[in-house]
């Protein structure tokens, strides 16, 4: 399962951040997942508990928010929202666009428990 390996990589990153901040627990993980990322959010949610078992993030809430698809137009220079199956400029309608966002899986935020020193 592709999503299980993604969860394991995510947890490696989360554990590094938690260690850097001397956290004792990870309470919440916020991910932004674009529709063009190749990641199925529901499968990621199902794989997470298995991957998180025995880690500092075992009890963390995994929140997944959709990321917007945005394109930069090579004709008019505008940056606009687009549909995943229709990457046209929202300003001039050109098909000559470059994807700016919508293909990412981004660790957007972590809520950590950090002991008082």
N, C-alpha and C. Protein backbone atom coordinates (compact mmCIF):
# COMPACT_ATOMS: atom_id res chain seq x y z
N UNK A 1 0.85 -1.18 0.00
CA UNK A 1 0.00 0.00 0.00
C UNK A 1 0.89 1.24 0.00
N UNK A 2 0.73 2.06 -0.99
CA UNK A 2 1.48 3.30 -1.20
C UNK A 2 1.31 4.25 0.00
N UNK A 3 0.11 4.36 0.53
CA UNK A 3 -0.17 5.29 1.62
C UNK A 3 0.54 4.90 2.91
N UNK A 4 0.76 3.62 3.15
CA UNK A 4 1.48 3.19 4.34
C UNK A 4 2.92 3.69 4.31
N UNK A 5 3.58 3.58 3.18
CA UNK A 5 4.96 4.09 3.09
C UNK A 5 4.98 5.62 3.21
N UNK A 6 3.95 6.29 2.72
CA UNK A 6 3.86 7.75 2.89
C UNK A 6 3.69 8.10 4.36
N UNK A 7 2.87 7.33 5.08
CA UNK A 7 2.69 7.57 6.51
C UNK A 7 4.00 7.36 7.27
N UNK A 8 4.74 6.34 6.89
CA UNK A 8 6.02 6.09 7.56
C UNK A 8 7.00 7.23 7.31
N UNK A 9 7.04 7.76 6.10
CA UNK A 9 7.91 8.90 5.80
C UNK A 9 7.45 10.15 6.54
N UNK A 10 6.14 10.34 6.60
CA UNK A 10 5.58 11.48 7.34
C UNK A 10 5.96 11.38 8.81
N UNK A 11 5.83 10.21 9.39
CA UNK A 11 6.15 10.03 10.80
C UNK A 11 7.63 10.21 11.08
N UNK A 12 8.49 9.85 10.15
CA UNK A 12 9.92 10.14 10.30
C UNK A 12 10.14 11.64 10.43
N UNK A 13 9.46 12.40 9.57
CA UNK A 13 9.59 13.86 9.60
C UNK A 13 9.00 14.42 10.90
N UNK A 14 7.85 13.93 11.30
CA UNK A 14 7.20 14.39 12.53
C UNK A 14 8.09 14.09 13.74
N UNK A 15 8.68 12.91 13.78
CA UNK A 15 9.55 12.56 14.91
C UNK A 15 10.79 13.44 14.96
N UNK A 16 11.34 13.80 13.81
CA UNK A 16 12.50 14.72 13.79
C UNK A 16 12.12 16.08 14.36
N UNK A 17 10.97 16.61 13.94
CA UNK A 17 10.52 17.92 14.44
C UNK A 17 10.25 17.84 15.95
N UNK A 18 9.58 16.78 16.38
CA UNK A 18 9.28 16.62 17.80
C UNK A 18 10.57 16.53 18.62
N UNK A 19 11.55 15.80 18.13
CA UNK A 19 12.83 15.67 18.82
C UNK A 19 13.55 17.02 18.89
N UNK A 20 13.54 17.77 17.79
CA UNK A 20 14.17 19.10 17.76
C UNK A 20 13.56 20.05 18.79
N UNK A 21 12.27 19.87 19.08
CA UNK A 21 11.58 20.74 20.04
C UNK A 21 11.45 20.10 21.42
N UNK A 22 12.08 18.95 21.60
CA UNK A 22 12.06 18.20 22.87
C UNK A 22 10.62 17.90 23.32
N UNK A 23 9.77 17.58 22.38
CA UNK A 23 8.37 17.27 22.69
C UNK A 23 8.27 15.87 23.30
N UNK A 24 7.29 15.72 24.16
CA UNK A 24 7.02 14.41 24.75
C UNK A 24 5.89 13.68 24.03
N UNK A 25 5.12 14.44 23.26
CA UNK A 25 3.99 13.85 22.55
C UNK A 25 3.60 14.75 21.37
N UNK A 26 3.09 14.12 20.33
CA UNK A 26 2.51 14.85 19.21
C UNK A 26 1.00 14.72 19.36
N UNK A 27 0.30 15.86 19.41
CA UNK A 27 -1.14 15.85 19.65
C UNK A 27 -1.96 15.93 18.36
N UNK A 28 -1.44 16.64 17.37
CA UNK A 28 -2.21 16.85 16.14
C UNK A 28 -1.25 17.07 14.97
N UNK A 29 -1.59 16.46 13.84
CA UNK A 29 -0.82 16.62 12.61
C UNK A 29 -1.77 17.13 11.54
N UNK A 30 -1.41 18.26 10.93
CA UNK A 30 -2.22 18.82 9.85
C UNK A 30 -1.47 18.68 8.54
N UNK A 31 -2.10 17.97 7.61
CA UNK A 31 -1.54 17.78 6.27
C UNK A 31 -2.40 18.50 5.25
N UNK A 32 -1.76 19.04 4.23
CA UNK A 32 -2.47 19.56 3.06
C UNK A 32 -2.14 18.62 1.91
N UNK A 33 -3.18 18.06 1.29
CA UNK A 33 -2.99 17.10 0.22
C UNK A 33 -3.72 17.59 -1.02
N UNK A 34 -2.97 17.77 -2.10
CA UNK A 34 -3.55 18.23 -3.35
C UNK A 34 -4.18 17.10 -4.14
N UNK A 35 -5.20 17.42 -4.95
CA UNK A 35 -5.88 16.38 -5.72
C UNK A 35 -5.01 15.75 -6.81
N UNK A 36 -3.90 16.39 -7.15
CA UNK A 36 -3.00 15.85 -8.16
C UNK A 36 -1.77 15.18 -7.54
N UNK A 37 -1.80 14.94 -6.23
CA UNK A 37 -0.64 14.39 -5.52
C UNK A 37 -0.49 12.88 -5.71
N UNK A 38 -1.55 12.22 -6.11
CA UNK A 38 -1.50 10.76 -6.20
C UNK A 38 -1.75 10.09 -4.87
N UNK A 39 -2.15 10.87 -3.86
CA UNK A 39 -2.42 10.36 -2.52
C UNK A 39 -3.93 10.35 -2.30
N UNK A 40 -4.42 9.23 -1.81
CA UNK A 40 -5.84 9.11 -1.49
C UNK A 40 -6.00 9.37 0.00
N UNK A 41 -6.57 10.55 0.38
CA UNK A 41 -6.67 10.90 1.80
C UNK A 41 -7.34 9.85 2.68
N UNK A 42 -8.39 9.19 2.21
CA UNK A 42 -9.07 8.19 3.05
C UNK A 42 -8.16 7.00 3.32
N UNK A 43 -7.36 6.60 2.34
CA UNK A 43 -6.42 5.49 2.55
C UNK A 43 -5.29 5.91 3.49
N UNK A 44 -4.87 7.16 3.39
CA UNK A 44 -3.84 7.69 4.27
C UNK A 44 -4.34 7.67 5.72
N UNK A 45 -5.58 8.08 5.92
CA UNK A 45 -6.19 8.07 7.26
C UNK A 45 -6.26 6.65 7.83
N UNK A 46 -6.58 5.67 6.97
CA UNK A 46 -6.66 4.29 7.43
C UNK A 46 -5.28 3.69 7.72
N UNK A 47 -4.26 4.10 6.98
CA UNK A 47 -2.92 3.57 7.17
C UNK A 47 -2.20 4.20 8.37
N UNK A 48 -2.62 5.40 8.74
CA UNK A 48 -1.93 6.15 9.79
C UNK A 48 -1.83 5.40 11.12
N UNK A 49 -2.92 4.84 11.68
CA UNK A 49 -2.80 4.17 12.98
C UNK A 49 -1.78 3.03 12.98
N UNK A 50 -1.71 2.29 11.91
CA UNK A 50 -0.75 1.18 11.81
C UNK A 50 0.68 1.72 11.81
N UNK A 51 0.93 2.76 11.03
CA UNK A 51 2.28 3.33 10.94
C UNK A 51 2.69 4.04 12.23
N UNK A 52 1.72 4.62 12.93
CA UNK A 52 2.03 5.43 14.12
C UNK A 52 2.21 4.60 15.39
N UNK A 53 1.83 3.35 15.36
CA UNK A 53 1.94 2.50 16.56
C UNK A 53 3.38 2.48 17.07
N UNK A 54 3.51 2.80 18.36
CA UNK A 54 4.82 2.78 18.99
C UNK A 54 5.65 4.04 18.78
N UNK A 55 5.08 5.06 18.12
CA UNK A 55 5.83 6.30 17.89
C UNK A 55 5.33 7.39 18.85
N UNK A 56 6.02 8.50 18.86
CA UNK A 56 5.64 9.65 19.68
C UNK A 56 4.31 10.24 19.21
N UNK A 57 3.90 9.90 18.00
CA UNK A 57 2.66 10.42 17.42
C UNK A 57 1.53 9.39 17.42
N UNK A 58 1.68 8.36 18.22
CA UNK A 58 0.70 7.27 18.22
C UNK A 58 -0.72 7.76 18.52
N UNK A 59 -0.87 8.71 19.44
CA UNK A 59 -2.20 9.19 19.83
C UNK A 59 -2.59 10.48 19.10
N UNK A 60 -1.79 10.92 18.18
CA UNK A 60 -2.05 12.19 17.49
C UNK A 60 -3.25 12.09 16.56
N UNK A 61 -3.98 13.20 16.49
CA UNK A 61 -5.08 13.32 15.53
C UNK A 61 -4.48 13.70 14.18
N UNK A 62 -4.82 12.97 13.15
CA UNK A 62 -4.37 13.28 11.79
C UNK A 62 -5.49 14.02 11.08
N UNK A 63 -5.23 15.27 10.71
CA UNK A 63 -6.20 16.09 10.00
C UNK A 63 -5.67 16.33 8.60
N UNK A 64 -6.51 16.03 7.61
CA UNK A 64 -6.11 16.19 6.21
C UNK A 64 -7.02 17.22 5.56
N UNK A 65 -6.42 18.29 5.05
CA UNK A 65 -7.17 19.33 4.34
C UNK A 65 -6.78 19.29 2.86
N UNK A 66 -7.73 19.56 1.98
CA UNK A 66 -7.40 19.59 0.56
C UNK A 66 -6.61 20.86 0.20
N UNK A 67 -5.64 20.72 -0.68
CA UNK A 67 -4.89 21.86 -1.20
C UNK A 67 -5.51 22.28 -2.52
N UNK A 68 -5.50 23.56 -2.79
CA UNK A 68 -6.08 24.09 -4.02
C UNK A 68 -5.16 23.83 -5.21
N UNK A 69 -5.77 23.64 -6.37
CA UNK A 69 -5.01 23.56 -7.62
C UNK A 69 -4.88 24.97 -8.16
N UNK A 70 -3.63 25.42 -8.34
CA UNK A 70 -3.37 26.76 -8.87
C UNK A 70 -2.38 26.64 -10.02
N UNK A 71 -2.58 27.50 -11.02
CA UNK A 71 -1.70 27.51 -12.19
C UNK A 71 -1.20 28.93 -12.45
N UNK A 72 -0.03 28.99 -13.07
CA UNK A 72 0.54 30.26 -13.54
C UNK A 72 0.43 30.24 -15.06
N UNK A 73 -0.15 31.29 -15.62
CA UNK A 73 -0.34 31.36 -17.06
C UNK A 73 0.92 31.89 -17.74
N UNK A 74 1.40 31.17 -18.74
CA UNK A 74 2.58 31.59 -19.49
C UNK A 74 2.24 32.65 -20.53
N UNK A 75 0.96 32.84 -20.84
CA UNK A 75 0.55 33.87 -21.79
C UNK A 75 0.31 35.21 -21.12
N UNK A 76 -0.54 35.25 -20.09
CA UNK A 76 -0.89 36.54 -19.48
C UNK A 76 -0.21 36.79 -18.14
N UNK A 77 0.43 35.76 -17.56
CA UNK A 77 1.15 35.92 -16.30
C UNK A 77 0.31 35.81 -15.05
N UNK A 78 -0.99 35.59 -15.18
CA UNK A 78 -1.87 35.50 -14.02
C UNK A 78 -1.65 34.17 -13.28
N UNK A 79 -1.91 34.20 -11.98
CA UNK A 79 -1.93 32.98 -11.18
C UNK A 79 -3.37 32.81 -10.70
N UNK A 80 -3.99 31.70 -11.10
CA UNK A 80 -5.41 31.50 -10.81
C UNK A 80 -5.68 30.07 -10.34
N UNK A 81 -6.86 29.89 -9.74
CA UNK A 81 -7.33 28.55 -9.39
C UNK A 81 -7.68 27.80 -10.66
N UNK A 82 -7.58 26.49 -10.62
CA UNK A 82 -7.92 25.65 -11.76
C UNK A 82 -8.55 24.37 -11.25
N UNK A 83 -9.15 23.63 -12.15
CA UNK A 83 -9.73 22.33 -11.83
C UNK A 83 -8.67 21.26 -12.09
N UNK A 84 -8.66 20.19 -11.29
CA UNK A 84 -7.65 19.14 -11.47
C UNK A 84 -7.60 18.55 -12.88
N UNK A 85 -8.71 18.49 -13.55
CA UNK A 85 -8.76 17.91 -14.89
C UNK A 85 -8.84 18.97 -15.99
N UNK A 86 -8.61 20.24 -15.61
CA UNK A 86 -8.72 21.34 -16.56
C UNK A 86 -7.79 22.47 -16.13
N UNK A 87 -6.52 22.36 -16.44
CA UNK A 87 -5.50 23.30 -15.96
C UNK A 87 -5.41 24.52 -16.86
N UNK A 88 -6.53 25.21 -17.02
CA UNK A 88 -6.60 26.41 -17.85
C UNK A 88 -6.47 27.66 -17.00
N UNK A 89 -5.95 28.72 -17.60
CA UNK A 89 -5.86 30.01 -16.92
C UNK A 89 -7.27 30.52 -16.65
N UNK A 90 -7.52 30.90 -15.42
CA UNK A 90 -8.83 31.45 -15.04
C UNK A 90 -9.02 32.87 -15.50
N UNK A 91 -7.95 33.51 -15.96
CA UNK A 91 -8.03 34.89 -16.41
C UNK A 91 -8.25 35.00 -17.91
N UNK A 92 -7.41 34.32 -18.71
CA UNK A 92 -7.50 34.45 -20.17
C UNK A 92 -7.95 33.17 -20.87
N UNK A 93 -8.02 32.06 -20.13
CA UNK A 93 -8.47 30.80 -20.72
C UNK A 93 -7.39 30.00 -21.43
N UNK A 94 -6.14 30.46 -21.39
CA UNK A 94 -5.05 29.79 -22.08
C UNK A 94 -4.77 28.41 -21.48
N UNK A 95 -4.34 27.50 -22.33
CA UNK A 95 -3.93 26.17 -21.86
C UNK A 95 -2.44 26.14 -21.57
N UNK A 96 -1.73 27.22 -21.85
CA UNK A 96 -0.29 27.28 -21.60
C UNK A 96 -0.05 27.72 -20.15
N UNK A 97 -0.14 26.76 -19.26
CA UNK A 97 0.00 27.05 -17.84
C UNK A 97 1.04 26.14 -17.21
N UNK A 98 1.51 26.58 -16.04
CA UNK A 98 2.44 25.80 -15.24
C UNK A 98 1.78 25.60 -13.87
N UNK A 99 1.79 24.37 -13.39
CA UNK A 99 1.18 24.05 -12.11
C UNK A 99 1.97 24.70 -10.98
N UNK A 100 1.29 25.44 -10.12
CA UNK A 100 1.91 26.09 -8.97
C UNK A 100 1.66 25.27 -7.71
N UNK A 101 0.45 24.76 -7.55
CA UNK A 101 0.13 23.92 -6.40
C UNK A 101 -1.02 22.99 -6.74
N UNK A 102 -1.14 21.95 -5.93
CA UNK A 102 -2.19 20.98 -6.13
C UNK A 102 -1.66 19.57 -6.27
N UNK A 103 -0.33 19.45 -6.36
CA UNK A 103 0.28 18.12 -6.48
C UNK A 103 1.11 17.76 -5.25
N UNK A 104 0.90 18.50 -4.16
CA UNK A 104 1.74 18.30 -2.98
C UNK A 104 1.03 17.55 -1.86
N UNK A 105 1.85 16.97 -0.99
CA UNK A 105 1.42 16.49 0.32
C UNK A 105 2.35 17.22 1.29
N UNK A 106 1.78 18.17 2.01
CA UNK A 106 2.57 19.10 2.81
C UNK A 106 2.23 18.98 4.29
N UNK A 107 3.25 18.82 5.11
CA UNK A 107 3.08 18.87 6.55
C UNK A 107 2.91 20.34 6.91
N UNK A 108 1.67 20.75 7.19
CA UNK A 108 1.36 22.16 7.38
C UNK A 108 1.53 22.62 8.83
N UNK A 109 1.23 21.72 9.79
CA UNK A 109 1.25 22.15 11.18
C UNK A 109 1.35 20.93 12.10
N UNK A 110 2.03 21.11 13.20
CA UNK A 110 2.10 20.11 14.26
C UNK A 110 1.74 20.76 15.58
N UNK A 111 0.96 20.06 16.39
CA UNK A 111 0.73 20.48 17.76
C UNK A 111 1.45 19.48 18.65
N UNK A 112 2.37 20.01 19.45
CA UNK A 112 3.24 19.18 20.28
C UNK A 112 3.02 19.47 21.75
N UNK A 113 3.27 18.49 22.59
CA UNK A 113 3.33 18.69 24.03
C UNK A 113 4.81 18.81 24.39
N UNK A 114 5.16 19.98 24.92
CA UNK A 114 6.55 20.26 25.29
C UNK A 114 6.59 20.54 26.78
N UNK A 115 7.38 19.79 27.54
CA UNK A 115 7.42 19.98 28.98
C UNK A 115 8.06 21.33 29.36
N UNK A 116 7.59 21.87 30.47
CA UNK A 116 8.21 23.11 31.02
C UNK A 116 9.54 22.74 31.64
N UNK A 117 10.56 23.54 31.34
CA UNK A 117 11.88 23.27 31.93
C UNK A 117 12.11 24.11 33.15
